[in-house]
Protein backbone atom coordinates (compact mmCIF):
# COMPACT_ATOMS: atom_id res chain seq x y z
CA MET A 1 -4.50 -8.62 -16.35
CA VAL A 2 -6.10 -5.73 -14.46
CA ASP A 3 -4.35 -2.43 -15.19
CA LYS A 4 -3.28 0.03 -12.52
CA GLN A 5 -6.25 2.37 -13.01
CA SER A 6 -8.80 -0.45 -12.89
CA ALA A 7 -7.17 -1.98 -9.81
CA ALA A 8 -7.18 1.37 -8.01
CA GLY A 9 -10.85 1.78 -8.95
CA ILE A 10 -11.72 -1.64 -7.51
CA VAL A 11 -9.99 -0.79 -4.22
CA SER A 12 -11.53 2.70 -4.00
CA ASP A 13 -15.01 1.32 -4.77
CA ALA A 14 -14.68 -1.30 -2.01
CA LEU A 15 -13.37 1.21 0.54
CA ARG A 16 -16.05 3.75 -0.42
CA THR A 17 -18.78 1.20 0.17
CA ALA A 18 -17.27 0.22 3.51
CA ILE A 19 -17.10 3.86 4.62
CA ILE A 20 -20.65 4.67 3.49
CA ASN A 21 -21.95 1.57 5.30
CA ASN A 22 -19.94 2.51 8.43
CA GLU A 23 -17.93 -0.72 8.21
CA LEU A 24 -14.92 1.61 8.36
CA PRO A 25 -15.97 4.07 11.07
CA ALA A 26 -15.11 7.76 11.15
CA GLY A 27 -11.62 8.40 12.49
CA GLU A 28 -10.25 4.95 11.72
CA ARG A 29 -6.72 5.05 10.30
CA LEU A 30 -5.96 3.08 7.15
CA ARG A 31 -2.49 1.66 6.51
CA GLN A 32 -1.36 1.29 2.92
CA ASP A 33 0.43 -2.00 3.57
CA ALA A 34 -2.57 -3.56 5.34
CA ILE A 35 -4.99 -2.50 2.60
CA ALA A 36 -2.55 -3.71 -0.09
CA THR A 37 -2.35 -7.13 1.57
CA ARG A 38 -6.11 -7.31 1.99
CA PHE A 39 -6.76 -6.70 -1.72
CA GLY A 40 -3.65 -8.42 -3.06
CA VAL A 41 -2.34 -5.31 -4.81
CA SER A 42 0.72 -3.06 -4.56
CA GLN A 43 0.93 -0.13 -2.18
CA MET A 44 1.12 2.13 -5.25
CA ILE A 45 -2.37 0.95 -6.24
CA VAL A 46 -3.65 1.63 -2.73
CA ARG A 47 -2.07 5.08 -2.79
CA GLU A 48 -4.02 5.90 -5.96
CA ALA A 49 -7.25 4.65 -4.38
CA PHE A 50 -6.58 6.77 -1.28
CA LYS A 51 -6.04 9.87 -3.46
CA GLN A 52 -9.43 9.40 -5.11
CA LEU A 53 -11.22 9.02 -1.78
CA VAL A 54 -9.45 12.08 -0.37
CA VAL A 55 -10.73 14.08 -3.37
CA GLU A 56 -14.25 12.80 -2.62
CA GLY A 57 -13.85 13.84 1.03
CA LEU A 58 -14.27 10.33 2.43
CA LEU A 59 -10.65 10.11 3.61
CA ARG A 60 -8.33 12.66 5.22
CA ASN A 61 -4.59 12.72 4.60
CA GLU A 62 -2.76 14.46 7.43
CA PRO A 63 1.02 15.07 7.41
CA ARG A 64 2.87 12.60 9.65
CA ARG A 65 -0.43 11.06 10.74
CA GLY A 66 -1.39 9.19 7.60
CA VAL A 67 -4.83 8.51 6.13
CA SER A 68 -8.04 8.17 8.14
CA VAL A 69 -11.77 8.03 7.51
CA SER A 70 -13.28 11.52 7.56
CA ARG A 71 -15.69 12.32 10.37
CA LEU A 72 -19.23 13.48 9.73
CA ASN A 73 -19.01 17.24 10.11
CA ALA A 74 -21.85 19.78 10.34
CA ASP A 75 -19.87 22.51 8.57
CA GLU A 76 -18.98 20.19 5.71
CA ALA A 77 -22.57 18.93 5.44
CA TRP A 78 -23.76 22.54 5.16
CA GLU A 79 -21.16 23.37 2.51
CA ILE A 80 -21.94 20.30 0.41
CA SER A 81 -25.67 21.04 0.62
CA GLN A 82 -25.12 24.59 -0.58
CA LEU A 83 -22.96 23.44 -3.49
CA ARG A 84 -25.40 20.70 -4.45
CA ALA A 85 -28.31 23.14 -4.44
CA LEU A 86 -26.48 25.47 -6.82
CA ILE A 87 -24.98 22.93 -9.22
CA GLU A 88 -27.85 20.45 -9.38
CA ALA A 89 -30.43 23.18 -9.94
CA GLN A 90 -28.35 24.48 -12.83
CA ALA A 91 -28.05 20.96 -14.28
CA LEU A 92 -31.81 20.51 -14.02
CA GLN A 93 -32.40 23.85 -15.76
CA TRP A 94 -30.27 22.65 -18.67
CA ALA A 95 -31.88 19.19 -18.64
CA ILE A 96 -35.62 20.00 -18.68
CA PRO A 97 -35.83 21.25 -22.30
CA ASN A 98 -34.21 17.98 -23.47
CA MET A 99 -36.43 15.59 -21.47
CA THR A 100 -38.58 13.12 -23.42
CA GLN A 101 -41.52 10.88 -22.52
CA ARG A 102 -39.06 8.01 -22.19
CA ASP A 103 -37.20 10.03 -19.54
CA PHE A 104 -40.43 10.75 -17.65
CA ASP A 105 -41.39 7.06 -17.73
CA ALA A 106 -37.94 6.15 -16.36
CA TYR A 107 -38.19 8.73 -13.55
CA GLN A 108 -41.63 7.49 -12.58
CA LYS A 109 -40.42 3.87 -12.47
CA ILE A 110 -37.49 4.79 -10.21
CA LEU A 111 -39.71 6.72 -7.81
CA ALA A 112 -42.31 3.91 -7.74
CA ASP A 113 -39.53 1.49 -6.80
CA LEU A 114 -38.28 3.94 -4.18
CA ASP A 115 -41.76 4.11 -2.64
CA VAL A 116 -41.57 0.39 -1.78
CA ALA A 117 -37.80 -0.10 -1.34
CA PRO A 118 -37.33 -2.33 1.72
CA THR A 119 -33.94 -1.17 3.04
CA VAL A 120 -32.00 2.05 3.47
CA ASP A 121 -29.35 0.65 1.11
CA ASP A 122 -31.98 0.18 -1.61
CA LYS A 123 -33.38 3.66 -0.98
CA ILE A 124 -29.96 5.29 -1.27
CA VAL A 125 -29.21 3.51 -4.56
CA LEU A 126 -32.58 4.47 -6.05
CA ASN A 127 -32.31 8.04 -4.78
CA ALA A 128 -28.93 8.39 -6.50
CA ARG A 129 -30.33 6.82 -9.66
CA PHE A 130 -33.24 9.28 -9.74
CA HIS A 131 -31.05 12.35 -9.35
CA GLU A 132 -28.50 11.09 -11.86
CA ALA A 133 -31.22 10.33 -14.44
CA LEU A 134 -32.82 13.72 -13.82
CA TYR A 135 -29.67 15.62 -14.84
CA THR A 136 -28.42 13.35 -17.64
CA PRO A 137 -30.42 15.14 -20.39
CA SER A 138 -28.42 18.30 -19.64
CA GLU A 139 -25.57 16.75 -21.65
CA LYS A 140 -23.02 18.64 -19.56
CA PRO A 141 -20.36 16.02 -18.64
CA ARG A 142 -18.19 18.30 -16.49
CA THR A 143 -21.18 19.37 -14.40
CA LEU A 144 -22.39 15.78 -14.09
CA GLU A 145 -18.94 14.72 -12.87
CA MET A 146 -18.97 17.44 -10.20
CA ILE A 147 -22.43 16.33 -9.07
CA GLU A 148 -21.29 12.71 -8.88
CA ASN A 149 -18.30 13.58 -6.68
CA LEU A 150 -20.46 15.61 -4.31
CA ARG A 151 -23.05 12.82 -4.20
CA LYS A 152 -20.48 10.18 -3.26
CA ASN A 153 -19.34 12.22 -0.28
CA PHE A 154 -22.90 13.10 0.74
CA GLU A 155 -24.14 9.48 0.80
CA ARG A 156 -22.81 8.96 4.32
CA TYR A 157 -24.71 12.03 5.46
CA LEU A 158 -27.85 10.90 3.64
CA ARG A 159 -27.67 7.48 5.29
CA PHE A 160 -27.34 9.17 8.68
CA THR A 161 -30.34 11.41 7.93
CA TRP A 162 -32.59 8.58 6.82
CA GLU A 163 -31.57 6.23 9.62
CA GLU A 164 -31.74 8.76 12.44
CA THR A 165 -34.74 10.90 11.37
CA HIS A 166 -38.12 10.53 9.64
CA HIS A 167 -37.13 12.68 6.68
CA LEU A 168 -37.39 9.99 3.98
CA LYS A 169 -41.18 10.29 3.55
CA GLN A 170 -40.94 14.05 3.01
CA SER A 171 -37.98 13.62 0.68
CA GLN A 172 -39.89 11.19 -1.50
CA ALA A 173 -42.93 13.48 -1.68
CA GLU A 174 -40.60 16.23 -2.89
CA HIS A 175 -39.20 13.90 -5.57
CA TRP A 176 -42.68 13.35 -6.99
CA ALA A 177 -43.40 17.09 -6.91
CA ILE A 178 -40.19 17.85 -8.81
CA LEU A 179 -41.10 15.23 -11.42
CA GLU A 180 -44.52 16.82 -11.96
CA ARG A 181 -42.94 20.23 -12.57
CA CYS A 182 -40.50 18.68 -15.04
CA LYS A 183 -43.36 17.05 -16.95
CA LYS A 184 -44.99 20.47 -17.29
CA GLN A 185 -41.68 21.96 -18.50
CA ASP A 186 -41.91 24.31 -15.53
CA CYS A 187 -38.20 24.95 -15.31
CA GLU A 188 -38.35 27.69 -12.67
CA GLY A 189 -40.73 25.74 -10.47
CA ALA A 190 -38.81 22.46 -10.75
CA CYS A 191 -35.46 24.10 -10.00
CA SER A 192 -36.92 25.98 -7.04
CA LEU A 193 -38.34 22.77 -5.59
CA LEU A 194 -35.04 20.97 -6.15
CA ARG A 195 -33.06 23.66 -4.33
CA GLN A 196 -35.51 23.56 -1.44
CA HIS A 197 -35.37 19.75 -1.42
CA ILE A 198 -31.57 19.69 -1.13
CA LEU A 199 -31.30 22.55 1.35
CA SER A 200 -34.00 21.20 3.69
CA THR A 201 -32.18 17.86 3.87
CA GLY A 202 -28.97 19.74 4.61
CA GLU A 203 -30.58 21.84 7.34
CA LEU A 204 -31.99 18.75 9.05
CA LEU A 205 -28.64 17.03 8.86
CA VAL A 206 -26.71 19.99 10.23
CA ALA A 207 -29.14 20.31 13.15
CA SER A 208 -28.81 16.57 13.93
CA LEU A 209 -25.00 16.66 13.80
CA ASN A 210 -24.84 19.79 15.96
CA ASN A 211 -27.13 18.13 18.49
CA ILE A 212 -24.91 15.04 18.63
CA GLU A 213 -21.83 17.21 19.08
CA ALA A 214 -23.51 19.14 21.92
CA GLN A 215 -24.46 15.89 23.65
CA SER A 216 -20.88 14.62 23.25
CA ILE A 217 -19.51 17.81 24.86
CA GLN A 218 -21.94 17.43 27.78
CA ILE A 219 -20.82 13.84 28.34
CA ARG A 220 -17.14 14.82 28.30
CA THR A 221 -17.73 17.64 30.78
C-alpha cells in the first residue's frame, strides 16, 4: 500500500511535469476533487501535493480563489536567477576541492550527451543532471535542497528560454568552460563563470518576458 507521503509525491511529480511541459497552462485553476478523481487518491493527498508545488512556486494559492498554475513572471525570473547565482556559486566553491577524476569523467559524459541531445526535454534533463552533479561533492545537503527547489521552479523558464531564443548553444559553451576551470581547481574562475552563466540566462529571460508583456499590452490597447 502506498503511504500518504509517497502518494502525495506521485501526484506532485505528475503535476510538476505537466506544468513544466505546459500541459497545464499558466493561470489554469486546479480543483482538489477533480485532481483526486484523476489520480484515484483522497483530497487530503492532493492538498499535500498542492502545498509542495506552492512552495516550489509552480502553483499559487489565493484566498477564496483556490489554486492555480503560476504565470511566468519577469520579476520572479530575475529573483530566482539572483538567488541561483549566489547559492550555486557557493555550492561550487565548496565542491571543487572534493572533486575527483571520476567526477570529471561524469561531467564530461553528461556534457557530451547534452551536445547531441535531440529534444528540449532531453536537454533540460541533462542540464539539471550536470548542475546537480557539479554541486554534489560539496556535501552540503541543506544547500543542495535549496538549489533543487529553485531549479524545479526555474525549469519552466529555462524551457521558455531554450524554445524561444538561441541561447542553448551559448549556455553549453559556458558549461564546458566551467568544467575546464573545475579541472584546474580554479575555484575563483569557475565560480565567476557559473555566476555569469546563470545571470546571463536570467537577463535574457527577463528581457523576453518583458517584451511579451509589452506586446500583450499593445494588443489590449
